Amino acid sequence: MGKKHDIPLGDHDLFAAQEIKRAVERSFQAHERPQEAGLIEVYDRVQGQIGALDTIAKLGTYLKAIQQADERFTGRAIKNITDAVKVRRWILNCRMTGWNSPICSCSNPTSASWR
């Protein structure tokens, strides 16, 4: 190994990687709910009406409620968020099914895999 690539000797915390994973998990859990007071109110109201935001349609309902509560939140912002969710879901599906799967084909973004 080179001069700047030595592994330091001494005591090491053997489970430090697990602690990092736990910290990341706690961070994700902190972002499950909105942090801003106005958004918390909208989130609680919408979730009380339609249940958990577990479909793209329910997410759209939540985003529309945010738009009605805050005029700065535009229709374009809603479209950008839903497009990002669809792409992330597509990437997750491709990781689970394998990148060679027909569902992972980028040639037809209007296919059922994008909806």
PDB file of N, CA and C in Angstrom:
ATOM      1  N   MET A   1       0.829  -1.185   0.000  1.00  0.00           N
ATOM      2  CA  MET A   1       0.000   0.000   0.000  1.00  0.00           C
ATOM      3  C   MET A   1       0.869   1.241   0.000  1.00  0.00           C
ATOM      4  N   GLY A   2       0.333   2.292  -0.570  1.00  0.00           N
ATOM      5  CA  GLY A   2       1.064   3.551  -0.614  1.00  0.00           C
ATOM      6  C   GLY A   2       1.089   4.240   0.735  1.00  0.00           C
ATOM      7  N   LYS A   3       1.787   5.331   0.789  1.00  0.00           N
ATOM      8  CA  LYS A   3       1.977   6.062   2.035  1.00  0.00           C
ATOM      9  C   LYS A   3       0.650   6.569   2.618  1.00  0.00           C
ATOM     10  N   LYS A   4      -0.261   6.997   1.760  1.00  0.00           N
ATOM     11  CA  LYS A   4      -1.524   7.564   2.244  1.00  0.00           C
ATOM     12  C   LYS A   4      -2.654   6.528   2.297  1.00  0.00           C
ATOM     13  N   HIS A   5      -2.326   5.258   2.074  1.00  0.00           N
ATOM     14  CA  HIS A   5      -3.364   4.234   2.031  1.00  0.00           C
ATOM     15  C   HIS A   5      -3.196   3.180   3.101  1.00  0.00           C
ATOM     16  N   ASP A   6      -2.418   3.474   4.117  1.00  0.00           N
ATOM     17  CA  ASP A   6      -2.219   2.504   5.184  1.00  0.00           C
ATOM     18  C   ASP A   6      -3.474   2.385   6.027  1.00  0.00           C
ATOM     19  N   ILE A   7      -3.719   1.171   6.478  1.00  0.00           N
ATOM     20  CA  ILE A   7      -4.813   0.938   7.408  1.00  0.00           C
ATOM     21  C   ILE A   7      -4.271   1.211   8.805  1.00  0.00           C
ATOM     22  N   PRO A   8      -4.867   2.126   9.538  1.00  0.00           N
ATOM     23  CA  PRO A   8      -4.332   2.447  10.855  1.00  0.00           C
ATOM     24  C   PRO A   8      -4.481   1.278  11.821  1.00  0.00           C
ATOM     25  N   LEU A   9      -3.494   1.086  12.656  1.00  0.00           N
ATOM     26  CA  LEU A   9      -3.526   0.038  13.663  1.00  0.00           C
ATOM     27  C   LEU A   9      -4.140   0.580  14.934  1.00  0.00           C
ATOM     28  N   GLY A  10      -4.616  -0.309  15.770  1.00  0.00           N
ATOM     29  CA  GLY A  10      -5.171   0.123  17.039  1.00  0.00           C
ATOM     30  C   GLY A  10      -6.581  -0.392  17.222  1.00  0.00           C
ATOM     31  N   ASP A  11      -7.258   0.162  18.188  1.00  0.00           N
ATOM     32  CA  ASP A  11      -8.618  -0.273  18.499  1.00  0.00           C
ATOM     33  C   ASP A  11      -9.597   0.271  17.474  1.00  0.00           C
ATOM     34  N   HIS A  12     -10.476  -0.593  17.021  1.00  0.00           N
ATOM     35  CA  HIS A  12     -11.513  -0.202  16.077  1.00  0.00           C
ATOM     36  C   HIS A  12     -12.851  -0.701  16.584  1.00  0.00           C
ATOM     37  N   ASP A  13     -13.861   0.048  16.307  1.00  0.00           N
ATOM     38  CA  ASP A  13     -15.213  -0.380  16.632  1.00  0.00           C
ATOM     39  C   ASP A  13     -15.671  -1.309  15.515  1.00  0.00           C
ATOM     40  N   LEU A  14     -15.796  -2.583  15.835  1.00  0.00           N
ATOM     41  CA  LEU A  14     -16.093  -3.582  14.815  1.00  0.00           C
ATOM     42  C   LEU A  14     -17.476  -3.418  14.206  1.00  0.00           C
ATOM     43  N   PHE A  15     -18.374  -2.791  14.901  1.00  0.00           N
ATOM     44  CA  PHE A  15     -19.748  -2.678  14.417  1.00  0.00           C
ATOM     45  C   PHE A  15     -20.098  -1.254  13.998  1.00  0.00           C
ATOM     46  N   ALA A  16     -19.110  -0.467  13.642  1.00  0.00           N
ATOM     47  CA  ALA A  16     -19.345   0.925  13.257  1.00  0.00           C
ATOM     48  C   ALA A  16     -20.219   1.024  12.011  1.00  0.00           C
ATOM     49  N   ALA A  17     -20.056   0.098  11.055  1.00  0.00           N
ATOM     50  CA  ALA A  17     -20.880   0.131   9.840  1.00  0.00           C
ATOM     51  C   ALA A  17     -22.348  -0.062  10.181  1.00  0.00           C
ATOM     52  N   GLN A  18     -22.628  -0.913  11.156  1.00  0.00           N
ATOM     53  CA  GLN A  18     -24.019  -1.106  11.565  1.00  0.00           C
ATOM     54  C   GLN A  18     -24.581   0.159  12.193  1.00  0.00           C
ATOM     55  N   GLU A  19     -23.757   0.886  12.927  1.00  0.00           N
ATOM     56  CA  GLU A  19     -24.193   2.146  13.521  1.00  0.00           C
ATOM     57  C   GLU A  19     -24.515   3.167  12.439  1.00  0.00           C
ATOM     58  N   ILE A  20     -23.716   3.187  11.382  1.00  0.00           N
ATOM     59  CA  ILE A  20     -23.985   4.094  10.266  1.00  0.00           C
ATOM     60  C   ILE A  20     -25.320   3.740   9.630  1.00  0.00           C
ATOM     61  N   LYS A  21     -25.565   2.448   9.439  1.00  0.00           N
ATOM     62  CA  LYS A  21     -26.844   2.018   8.859  1.00  0.00           C
ATOM     63  C   LYS A  21     -28.003   2.444   9.749  1.00  0.00           C
ATOM     64  N   ARG A  22     -27.839   2.320  11.051  1.00  0.00           N
ATOM     65  CA  ARG A  22     -28.911   2.733  11.973  1.00  0.00           C
ATOM     66  C   ARG A  22     -29.136   4.242  11.908  1.00  0.00           C
ATOM     67  N   ALA A  23     -28.056   4.991  11.794  1.00  0.00           N
ATOM     68  CA  ALA A  23     -28.182   6.454  11.701  1.00  0.00           C
ATOM     69  C   ALA A  23     -28.909   6.850  10.423  1.00  0.00           C
ATOM     70  N   VAL A  24     -28.602   6.184   9.323  1.00  0.00           N
ATOM     71  CA  VAL A  24     -29.292   6.466   8.060  1.00  0.00           C
ATOM     72  C   VAL A  24     -30.767   6.111   8.191  1.00  0.00           C
ATOM     73  N   GLU A  25     -31.063   4.988   8.824  1.00  0.00           N
ATOM     74  CA  GLU A  25     -32.458   4.579   9.016  1.00  0.00           C
ATOM     75  C   GLU A  25     -33.210   5.599   9.865  1.00  0.00           C
ATOM     76  N   ARG A  26     -32.571   6.080  10.928  1.00  0.00           N
ATOM     77  CA  ARG A  26     -33.210   7.117  11.772  1.00  0.00           C
ATOM     78  C   ARG A  26     -33.449   8.391  10.969  1.00  0.00           C
ATOM     79  N   SER A  27     -32.503   8.732  10.107  1.00  0.00           N
ATOM     80  CA  SER A  27     -32.658   9.929   9.286  1.00  0.00           C
ATOM     81  C   SER A  27     -33.837   9.784   8.339  1.00  0.00           C
ATOM     82  N   PHE A  28     -33.960   8.609   7.701  1.00  0.00           N
ATOM     83  CA  PHE A  28     -35.093   8.383   6.811  1.00  0.00           C
ATOM     84  C   PHE A  28     -36.412   8.430   7.577  1.00  0.00           C
ATOM     85  N   GLN A  29     -36.435   7.859   8.768  1.00  0.00           N
ATOM     86  CA  GLN A  29     -37.656   7.878   9.574  1.00  0.00           C
ATOM     87  C   GLN A  29     -38.038   9.300   9.961  1.00  0.00           C
ATOM     88  N   ALA A  30     -37.052  10.155  10.175  1.00  0.00           N
ATOM     89  CA  ALA A  30     -37.341  11.546  10.519  1.00  0.00           C
ATOM     90  C   ALA A  30     -37.996  12.279   9.361  1.00  0.00           C
ATOM     91  N   HIS A  31     -37.806  11.784   8.130  1.00  0.00           N
ATOM     92  CA  HIS A  31     -38.375  12.441   6.954  1.00  0.00           C
ATOM     93  C   HIS A  31     -39.652  11.769   6.460  1.00  0.00           C
ATOM     94  N   GLU A  32     -40.174  10.808   7.211  1.00  0.00           N
ATOM     95  CA  GLU A  32     -41.425  10.172   6.820  1.00  0.00           C
ATOM     96  C   GLU A  32     -42.599  11.142   6.908  1.00  0.00           C
ATOM     97  N   ARG A  33     -42.512  12.048   7.850  1.00  0.00           N
ATOM     98  CA  ARG A  33     -43.567  13.045   8.041  1.00  0.00           C
ATOM     99  C   ARG A  33     -42.990  14.427   7.779  1.00  0.00           C
ATOM    100  N   PRO A  34     -43.838  15.351   7.343  1.00  0.00           N
ATOM    101  CA  PRO A  34     -43.362  16.727   7.134  1.00  0.00           C
ATOM    102  C   PRO A  34     -42.893  17.339   8.454  1.00  0.00           C
ATOM    103  N   GLN A  35     -42.013  18.319   8.352  1.00  0.00           N
ATOM    104  CA  GLN A  35     -41.473  18.977   9.531  1.00  0.00           C
ATOM    105  C   GLN A  35     -42.109  20.350   9.770  1.00  0.00           C
ATOM    106  N   GLU A  36     -42.609  20.976   8.712  1.00  0.00           N
ATOM    107  CA  GLU A  36     -43.184  22.313   8.807  1.00  0.00           C
ATOM    108  C   GLU A  36     -44.624  22.231   9.311  1.00  0.00           C
ATOM    109  N   ALA A  37     -45.003  23.165  10.177  1.00  0.00           N
ATOM    110  CA  ALA A  37     -46.317  23.128  10.829  1.00  0.00           C
ATOM    111  C   ALA A  37     -47.467  23.081   9.818  1.00  0.00           C
ATOM    112  N   GLY A  38     -47.417  23.921   8.792  1.00  0.00           N
ATOM    113  CA  GLY A  38     -48.487  23.945   7.796  1.00  0.00           C
ATOM    114  C   GLY A  38     -48.596  22.634   7.037  1.00  0.00           C
ATOM    115  N   LEU A  39     -47.459  22.057   6.710  1.00  0.00           N
ATOM    116  CA  LEU A  39     -47.465  20.779   5.983  1.00  0.00           C
ATOM    117  C   LEU A  39     -47.922  19.632   6.873  1.00  0.00           C
ATOM    118  N   ILE A  40     -47.592  19.692   8.148  1.00  0.00           N
ATOM    119  CA  ILE A  40     -48.056  18.655   9.082  1.00  0.00           C
ATOM    120  C   ILE A  40     -49.571  18.654   9.132  1.00  0.00           C
ATOM    121  N   GLU A  41     -50.154  19.847   9.174  1.00  0.00           N
ATOM    122  CA  GLU A  41     -51.623  19.959   9.208  1.00  0.00           C
ATOM    123  C   GLU A  41     -52.247  19.353   7.948  1.00  0.00           C
ATOM    124  N   VAL A  42     -51.696  19.699   6.791  1.00  0.00           N
ATOM    125  CA  VAL A  42     -52.214  19.161   5.526  1.00  0.00           C
ATOM    126  C   VAL A  42     -52.023  17.641   5.482  1.00  0.00           C
ATOM    127  N   TYR A  43     -50.840  17.169   5.871  1.00  0.00           N
ATOM    128  CA  TYR A  43     -50.539  15.739   5.853  1.00  0.00           C
ATOM    129  C   TYR A  43     -51.515  14.959   6.733  1.00  0.00           C
ATOM    130  N   ASP A  44     -51.722  15.433   7.960  1.00  0.00           N
ATOM    131  CA  ASP A  44     -52.636  14.749   8.876  1.00  0.00           C
ATOM    132  C   ASP A  44     -54.063  14.742   8.345  1.00  0.00           C
ATOM    133  N   ARG A  45     -54.490  15.864   7.776  1.00  0.00           N
ATOM    134  CA  ARG A  45     -55.854  15.943   7.233  1.00  0.00           C
ATOM    135  C   ARG A  45     -56.040  14.970   6.072  1.00  0.00           C
ATOM    136  N   VAL A  46     -55.097  14.981   5.133  1.00  0.00           N
ATOM    137  CA  VAL A  46     -55.220  14.116   3.955  1.00  0.00           C
ATOM    138  C   VAL A  46     -55.100  12.651   4.349  1.00  0.00           C
ATOM    139  N   GLN A  47     -54.158  12.344   5.224  1.00  0.00           N
ATOM    140  CA  GLN A  47     -54.000  10.951   5.637  1.00  0.00           C
ATOM    141  C   GLN A  47     -55.229  10.465   6.405  1.00  0.00           C
ATOM    142  N   GLY A  48     -55.857  11.352   7.159  1.00  0.00           N
ATOM    143  CA  GLY A  48     -57.094  10.992   7.846  1.00  0.00           C
ATOM    144  C   GLY A  48     -58.234  10.717   6.881  1.00  0.00           C
ATOM    145  N   GLN A  49     -58.247  11.407   5.744  1.00  0.00           N
ATOM    146  CA  GLN A  49     -59.312  11.225   4.750  1.00  0.00           C
ATOM    147  C   GLN A  49     -59.096   9.995   3.871  1.00  0.00           C
ATOM    148  N   ILE A  50     -57.848   9.771   3.421  1.00  0.00           N
ATOM    149  CA  ILE A  50     -57.623   8.712   2.424  1.00  0.00           C
ATOM    150  C   ILE A  50     -56.709   7.587   2.903  1.00  0.00           C
ATOM    151  N   GLY A  51     -56.187   7.688   4.114  1.00  0.00           N
ATOM    152  CA  GLY A  51     -55.298   6.646   4.634  1.00  0.00           C
ATOM    153  C   GLY A  51     -53.852   6.900   4.234  1.00  0.00           C
ATOM    154  N   ALA A  52     -53.050   5.863   4.353  1.00  0.00           N
ATOM    155  CA  ALA A  52     -51.614   5.969   4.061  1.00  0.00           C
ATOM    156  C   ALA A  52     -51.390   6.364   2.609  1.00  0.00           C
ATOM    157  N   LEU A  53     -50.347   7.136   2.374  1.00  0.00           N
ATOM    158  CA  LEU A  53     -50.015   7.590   1.017  1.00  0.00           C
ATOM    159  C   LEU A  53     -49.194   6.498   0.330  1.00  0.00           C
ATOM    160  N   ASP A  54     -49.865   5.415  -0.037  1.00  0.00           N
ATOM    161  CA  ASP A  54     -49.157   4.261  -0.574  1.00  0.00           C
ATOM    162  C   ASP A  54     -49.375   4.027  -2.066  1.00  0.00           C
ATOM    163  N   THR A  55     -50.069   4.930  -2.729  1.00  0.00           N
ATOM    164  CA  THR A  55     -50.232   4.840  -4.184  1.00  0.00           C
ATOM    165  C   THR A  55     -49.930   6.203  -4.792  1.00  0.00           C
ATOM    166  N   ILE A  56     -49.667   6.205  -6.078  1.00  0.00           N
ATOM    167  CA  ILE A  56     -49.374   7.470  -6.760  1.00  0.00           C
ATOM    168  C   ILE A  56     -50.611   8.374  -6.768  1.00  0.00           C
ATOM    169  N   ALA A  57     -51.807   7.780  -6.807  1.00  0.00           N
ATOM    170  CA  ALA A  57     -53.043   8.573  -6.777  1.00  0.00           C
ATOM    171  C   ALA A  57     -53.204   9.273  -5.423  1.00  0.00           C
ATOM    172  N   LYS A  58     -52.912   8.560  -4.338  1.00  0.00           N
ATOM    173  CA  LYS A  58     -53.009   9.166  -3.007  1.00  0.00           C
ATOM    174  C   LYS A  58     -51.947  10.247  -2.831  1.00  0.00           C
ATOM    175  N   LEU A  59     -50.765  10.008  -3.362  1.00  0.00           N
ATOM    176  CA  LEU A  59     -49.717  11.027  -3.315  1.00  0.00           C
ATOM    177  C   LEU A  59     -50.163  12.273  -4.074  1.00  0.00           C
ATOM    178  N   GLY A  60     -50.813  12.067  -5.223  1.00  0.00           N
ATOM    179  CA  GLY A  60     -51.332  13.191  -5.995  1.00  0.00           C
ATOM    180  C   GLY A  60     -52.374  13.985  -5.223  1.00  0.00           C
ATOM    181  N   THR A  61     -53.230  13.294  -4.488  1.00  0.00           N
ATOM    182  CA  THR A  61     -54.227  13.960  -3.655  1.00  0.00           C
ATOM    183  C   THR A  61     -53.553  14.808  -2.584  1.00  0.00           C
ATOM    184  N   TYR A  62     -52.504  14.263  -1.977  1.00  0.00           N
ATOM    185  CA  TYR A  62     -51.751  14.995  -0.960  1.00  0.00           C
ATOM    186  C   TYR A  62     -51.072  16.227  -1.566  1.00  0.00           C
ATOM    187  N   LEU A  63     -50.459  16.058  -2.721  1.00  0.00           N
ATOM    188  CA  LEU A  63     -49.787  17.185  -3.366  1.00  0.00           C
ATOM    189  C   LEU A  63     -50.783  18.269  -3.763  1.00  0.00           C
ATOM    190  N   LYS A  64     -51.964  17.862  -4.218  1.00  0.00           N
ATOM    191  CA  LYS A  64     -53.000  18.835  -4.571  1.00  0.00           C
ATOM    192  C   LYS A  64     -53.460  19.602  -3.331  1.00  0.00           C
ATOM    193  N   ALA A  65     -53.551  18.898  -2.197  1.00  0.00           N
ATOM    194  CA  ALA A  65     -53.936  19.575  -0.947  1.00  0.00           C
ATOM    195  C   ALA A  65     -52.872  20.588  -0.530  1.00  0.00           C
ATOM    196  N   ILE A  66     -51.598  20.252  -0.752  1.00  0.00           N
ATOM    197  CA  ILE A  66     -50.528  21.213  -0.456  1.00  0.00           C
ATOM    198  C   ILE A  66     -50.680  22.431  -1.362  1.00  0.00           C
ATOM    199  N   GLN A  67     -50.975  22.198  -2.637  1.00  0.00           N
ATOM    200  CA  GLN A  67     -51.137  23.303  -3.585  1.00  0.00           C
ATOM    201  C   GLN A  67     -52.274  24.223  -3.154  1.00  0.00           C
ATOM    202  N   GLN A  68     -53.361  23.650  -2.662  1.00  0.00           N
ATOM    203  CA  GLN A  68     -54.481  24.474  -2.214  1.00  0.00           C
ATOM    204  C   GLN A  68     -54.143  25.245  -0.945  1.00  0.00           C
ATOM    205  N   ALA A  69     -53.263  24.686  -0.113  1.00  0.00           N
ATOM    206  CA  ALA A  69     -52.892  25.357   1.131  1.00  0.00           C
ATOM    207  C   ALA A  69     -51.820  26.415   0.920  1.00  0.00           C
ATOM    208  N   ASP A  70     -50.986  26.250  -0.109  1.00  0.00           N
ATOM    209  CA  ASP A  70     -49.875  27.183  -0.333  1.00  0.00           C
ATOM    210  C   ASP A  70     -49.809  27.506  -1.818  1.00  0.00           C
ATOM    211  N   GLU A  71     -50.100  28.743  -2.159  1.00  0.00           N
ATOM    212  CA  GLU A  71     -50.167  29.151  -3.568  1.00  0.00           C
ATOM    213  C   GLU A  71     -48.821  29.092  -4.280  1.00  0.00           C
ATOM    214  N   ARG A  72     -47.728  29.064  -3.519  1.00  0.00           N
ATOM    215  CA  ARG A  72     -46.400  28.978  -4.145  1.00  0.00           C
ATOM    216  C   ARG A  72     -46.141  27.599  -4.751  1.00  0.00           C
ATOM    217  N   PHE A  73     -46.880  26.608  -4.326  1.00  0.00           N
ATOM    218  CA  PHE A  73     -46.715  25.230  -4.802  1.00  0.00           C
ATOM    219  C   PHE A  73     -47.516  25.078  -6.092  1.00  0.00           C
ATOM    220  N   THR A  74     -46.821  25.045  -7.216  1.00  0.00           N
ATOM    221  CA  THR A  74     -47.473  25.094  -8.521  1.00  0.00           C
ATOM    222  C   THR A  74     -47.798  23.699  -9.060  1.00  0.00           C
ATOM    223  N   GLY A  75     -48.602  23.678 -10.101  1.00  0.00           N
ATOM    224  CA  GLY A  75     -48.904  22.431 -10.797  1.00  0.00           C
ATOM    225  C   GLY A  75     -47.649  21.795 -11.373  1.00  0.00           C
ATOM    226  N   ARG A  76     -46.711  22.628 -11.804  1.00  0.00           N
ATOM    227  CA  ARG A  76     -45.450  22.117 -12.333  1.00  0.00           C
ATOM    228  C   ARG A  76     -44.663  21.396 -11.243  1.00  0.00           C
ATOM    229  N   ALA A  77     -44.701  21.911 -10.028  1.00  0.00           N
ATOM    230  CA  ALA A  77     -44.022  21.264  -8.907  1.00  0.00           C
ATOM    231  C   ALA A  77     -44.622  19.884  -8.640  1.00  0.00           C
ATOM    232  N   ILE A  78     -45.959  19.796  -8.728  1.00  0.00           N
ATOM    233  CA  ILE A  78     -46.624  18.504  -8.542  1.00  0.00           C
ATOM    234  C   ILE A  78     -46.163  17.521  -9.606  1.00  0.00           C
ATOM    235  N   LYS A  79     -46.115  17.969 -10.857  1.00  0.00           N
ATOM    236  CA  LYS A  79     -45.680  17.092 -11.944  1.00  0.00           C
ATOM    237  C   LYS A  79     -44.238  16.642 -11.749  1.00  0.00           C
ATOM    238  N   ASN A  80     -43.362  17.560 -11.342  1.00  0.00           N
ATOM    239  CA  ASN A  80     -41.967  17.200 -11.119  1.00  0.00           C
ATOM    240  C   ASN A  80     -41.828  16.142 -10.023  1.00  0.00           C
ATOM    241  N   ILE A  81     -42.578  16.301  -8.950  1.00  0.00           N
ATOM    242  CA  ILE A  81     -42.507  15.342  -7.845  1.00  0.00           C
ATOM    243  C   ILE A  81     -43.044  13.984  -8.271  1.00  0.00           C
ATOM    244  N   THR A  82     -44.188  13.949  -8.929  1.00  0.00           N
ATOM    245  CA  THR A  82     -44.745  12.659  -9.346  1.00  0.00           C
ATOM    246  C   THR A  82     -43.850  11.979 -10.380  1.00  0.00           C
ATOM    247  N   ASP A  83     -43.237  12.739 -11.275  1.00  0.00           N
ATOM    248  CA  ASP A  83     -42.298  12.147 -12.236  1.00  0.00           C
ATOM    249  C   ASP A  83     -41.097  11.547 -11.514  1.00  0.00           C
ATOM    250  N   ALA A  84     -40.584  12.245 -10.501  1.00  0.00           N
ATOM    251  CA  ALA A  84     -39.444  11.730  -9.742  1.00  0.00           C
ATOM    252  C   ALA A  84     -39.813  10.443  -9.010  1.00  0.00           C
ATOM    253  N   VAL A  85     -41.022  10.389  -8.452  1.00  0.00           N
ATOM    254  CA  VAL A  85     -41.478   9.181  -7.763  1.00  0.00           C
ATOM    255  C   VAL A  85     -41.586   8.023  -8.751  1.00  0.00           C
ATOM    256  N   LYS A  86     -42.137   8.285  -9.933  1.00  0.00           N
ATOM    257  CA  LYS A  86     -42.268   7.229 -10.940  1.00  0.00           C
ATOM    258  C   LYS A  86     -40.912   6.695 -11.371  1.00  0.00           C
ATOM    259  N   VAL A  87     -39.950   7.575 -11.576  1.00  0.00           N
ATOM    260  CA  VAL A  87     -38.617   7.135 -12.002  1.00  0.00           C
ATOM    261  C   VAL A  87     -37.948   6.335 -10.898  1.00  0.00           C
ATOM    262  N   ARG A  88     -38.071   6.783  -9.655  1.00  0.00           N
ATOM    263  CA  ARG A  88     -37.459   6.033  -8.542  1.00  0.00           C
ATOM    264  C   ARG A  88     -38.103   4.667  -8.386  1.00  0.00           C
ATOM    265  N   ARG A  89     -39.416   4.593  -8.566  1.00  0.00           N
ATOM    266  CA  ARG A  89     -40.090   3.300  -8.501  1.00  0.00           C
ATOM    267  C   ARG A  89     -39.624   2.403  -9.631  1.00  0.00           C
ATOM    268  N   TRP A  90     -39.448   2.965 -10.815  1.00  0.00           N
ATOM    269  CA  TRP A  90     -38.971   2.207 -11.965  1.00  0.00           C
ATOM    270  C   TRP A  90     -37.572   1.654 -11.697  1.00  0.00           C
ATOM    271  N   ILE A  91     -36.687   2.489 -11.139  1.00  0.00           N
ATOM    272  CA  ILE A  91     -35.331   2.044 -10.817  1.00  0.00           C
ATOM    273  C   ILE A  91     -35.378   0.929  -9.781  1.00  0.00           C
ATOM    274  N   LEU A  92     -36.205   1.056  -8.768  1.00  0.00           N
ATOM    275  CA  LEU A  92     -36.332   0.020  -7.755  1.00  0.00           C
ATOM    276  C   LEU A  92     -36.828  -1.283  -8.380  1.00  0.00           C
ATOM    277  N   ASN A  93     -37.834  -1.183  -9.251  1.00  0.00           N
ATOM    278  CA  ASN A  93     -38.335  -2.386  -9.926  1.00  0.00           C
ATOM    279  C   ASN A  93     -37.245  -3.038 -10.761  1.00  0.00           C
ATOM    280  N   CYS A  94     -36.433  -2.241 -11.424  1.00  0.00           N
ATOM    281  CA  CYS A  94     -35.360  -2.792 -12.252  1.00  0.00           C
ATOM    282  C   CYS A  94     -34.303  -3.464 -11.403  1.00  0.00           C
ATOM    283  N   ARG A  95     -34.010  -2.909 -10.259  1.00  0.00           N
ATOM    284  CA  ARG A  95     -33.046  -3.554  -9.359  1.00  0.00           C
ATOM    285  C   ARG A  95     -33.575  -4.890  -8.876  1.00  0.00           C
ATOM    286  N   MET A  96     -34.874  -4.953  -8.619  1.00  0.00           N
ATOM    287  CA  MET A  96     -35.460  -6.177  -8.090  1.00  0.00           C
ATOM    288  C   MET A  96     -35.626  -7.237  -9.176  1.00  0.00           C
ATOM    289  N   THR A  97     -35.928  -6.829 -10.395  1.00  0.00           N
ATOM    290  CA  THR A  97     -36.193  -7.798 -11.462  1.00  0.00           C
ATOM    291  C   THR A  97     -34.981  -8.058 -12.329  1.00  0.00           C
ATOM    292  N   GLY A  98     -33.977  -7.253 -12.231  1.00  0.00           N
ATOM    293  CA  GLY A  98     -32.803  -7.390 -13.088  1.00  0.00           C
ATOM    294  C   GLY A  98     -32.910  -6.403 -14.234  1.00  0.00           C
ATOM    295  N   TRP A  99     -31.811  -5.796 -14.575  1.00  0.00           N
ATOM    296  CA  TRP A  99     -31.821  -4.718 -15.566  1.00  0.00           C
ATOM    297  C   TRP A  99     -32.136  -5.209 -16.973  1.00  0.00           C
ATOM    298  N   ASN A 100     -32.043  -6.492 -17.222  1.00  0.00           N
ATOM    299  CA  ASN A 100     -32.320  -7.014 -18.559  1.00  0.00           C
ATOM    300  C   ASN A 100     -33.798  -7.312 -18.777  1.00  0.00           C
ATOM    301  N   SER A 101     -34.593  -7.096 -17.768  1.00  0.00           N
ATOM    302  CA  SER A 101     -36.020  -7.354 -17.858  1.00  0.00           C
ATOM    303  C   SER A 101     -36.681  -6.380 -18.838  1.00  0.00           C
ATOM    304  N   PRO A 102     -37.729  -6.833 -19.541  1.00  0.00           N
ATOM    305  CA  PRO A 102     -38.435  -5.927 -20.468  1.00  0.00           C
ATOM    306  C   PRO A 102     -39.017  -4.697 -19.774  1.00  0.00           C
ATOM    307  N   ILE A 103     -39.325  -4.811 -18.486  1.00  0.00           N
ATOM    308  CA  ILE A 103     -39.898  -3.672 -17.762  1.00  0.00           C
ATOM    309  C   ILE A 103     -38.883  -2.533 -17.638  1.00  0.00           C
ATOM    310  N   CYS A 104     -37.604  -2.856 -17.774  1.00  0.00           N
ATOM    311  CA  CYS A 104     -36.553  -1.853 -17.618  1.00  0.00           C
ATOM    312  C   CYS A 104     -36.192  -1.168 -18.928  1.00  0.00           C
ATOM    313  N   SER A 105     -36.899  -1.477 -19.973  1.00  0.00           N
ATOM    314  CA  SER A 105     -36.600  -0.867 -21.261  1.00  0.00           C
ATOM    315  C   SER A 105     -36.946   0.610 -21.235  1.00  0.00           C
ATOM    316  N   CYS A 106     -36.007   1.432 -21.610  1.00  0.00           N
ATOM    317  CA  CYS A 106     -36.231   2.882 -21.659  1.00  0.00           C
ATOM    318  C   CYS A 106     -36.755   3.324 -23.006  1.00  0.00           C
ATOM    319  N   SER A 107     -36.952   2.393 -23.906  1.00  0.00           N
ATOM    320  CA  SER A 107     -37.346   2.786 -25.257  1.00  0.00           C
ATOM    321  C   SER A 107     -38.769   3.310 -25.313  1.00  0.00           C
ATOM    322  N   ASN A 108     -39.601   2.956 -24.349  1.00  0.00           N
ATOM    323  CA  ASN A 108     -40.995   3.390 -24.381  1.00  0.00           C
ATOM    324  C   ASN A 108     -41.395   3.901 -23.006  1.00  0.00           C
ATOM    325  N   PRO A 109     -41.133   5.172 -22.692  1.00  0.00           N
ATOM    326  CA  PRO A 109     -41.459   5.697 -21.361  1.00  0.00           C
ATOM    327  C   PRO A 109     -42.954   5.797 -21.086  1.00  0.00           C
ATOM    328  N   THR A 110     -43.783   5.576 -22.072  1.00  0.00           N
ATOM    329  CA  THR A 110     -45.218   5.604 -21.822  1.00  0.00           C
ATOM    330  C   THR A 110     -45.767   4.213 -21.560  1.00  0.00           C
ATOM    331  N   SER A 111     -44.881   3.232 -21.473  1.00  0.00           N
ATOM    332  CA  SER A 111     -45.335   1.869 -21.219  1.00  0.00           C
ATOM    333  C   SER A 111     -45.872   1.740 -19.810  1.00  0.00           C
ATOM    334  N   ALA A 112     -46.478   0.609 -19.513  1.00  0.00           N
ATOM    335  CA  ALA A 112     -47.090   0.393 -18.213  1.00  0.00           C
ATOM    336  C   ALA A 112     -46.082   0.460 -17.085  1.00  0.00           C
ATOM    337  N   SER A 113     -44.819   0.180 -17.355  1.00  0.00           N
ATOM    338  CA  SER A 113     -43.816   0.218 -16.294  1.00  0.00           C
ATOM    339  C   SER A 113     -43.577   1.640 -15.793  1.00  0.00           C
ATOM    340  N   TRP A 114     -43.962   2.640 -16.531  1.00  0.00           N
ATOM    341  CA  TRP A 114     -43.759   4.031 -16.131  1.00  0.00           C
ATOM    342  C   TRP A 114     -44.969   4.591 -15.414  1.00  0.00           C
ATOM    343  N   ARG A 115     -46.056   3.860 -15.378  1.00  0.00           N
ATOM    344  CA  ARG A 115     -47.275   4.386 -14.742  1.00  0.00           C
ATOM    345  C   ARG A 115     -47.399   3.936 -13.318  1.00  0.00           C
TER     346      ARG A 115
END
